[in-house]
């Protein structure tokens, strides 16, 4: 989720935790840009430098030590408009993207929610709850610009091979569950793909790739939360 510059203010251990939770554990140390030239988002967040997420921001005074529970809240899934309908599948020359049916949308949502809940439930330090509270950290996630590369199955018995099932941009926010004050935000685009070869497009294989992508996101978030909730020696 190699310090470029010194902080212009003191950064608490809790704030550093928030940076690593959202930015990911990269080779370099995530730091906040609080220089006089730093840009601040409309909701008071500063850019995090050196993380593995595509982009991340956080408040410089965040302290996660007050939280012992986490609450997952979906903020919606948005699909890229357009896409081939597949009605002229035999004559098409481009590899997608394709229209997403309501059935595919429902399946995609179910897989993502299930994988995130499964991973967060494995936390060693946080209890997964469904109601806000003074010690509850709200994790709000949205998937934006979701693109499907899965073509419709032709009527004839033809095997279809693809290298990428879908891709999406995940936006994760950490908020206080009572005040809903924004604490940190990260944006990361990822693909459900086989990086080594083309694979036959089947419902089982495609769902497995989406499950893997969602599981990676959920696992990284859980590991960062646990890492910085653990007692320090």
Foldseek 3Di string as FASTA:
>chain_A
DVDPDDDPDDADLQLQLVQCLFQPDDPDRKDFPPDPPFDADPQGWTWIPDGNAPTKTFHRHGGLLLAQAEEEAEPEEEEDPDKDDQPPVVPDDDQIFHDADPVNVVLLVVLLVVLLVVQLCPFPGYHYDHAADQRYKYKYKYKYHKTARQHDDDPDPDWDWDFFGIKIKMKIWIARRPVRRTGMITIHIDTLGDPPDIDTDDPVSSSVSSNVVSNVVSNRSSVSVNVSNDDDD
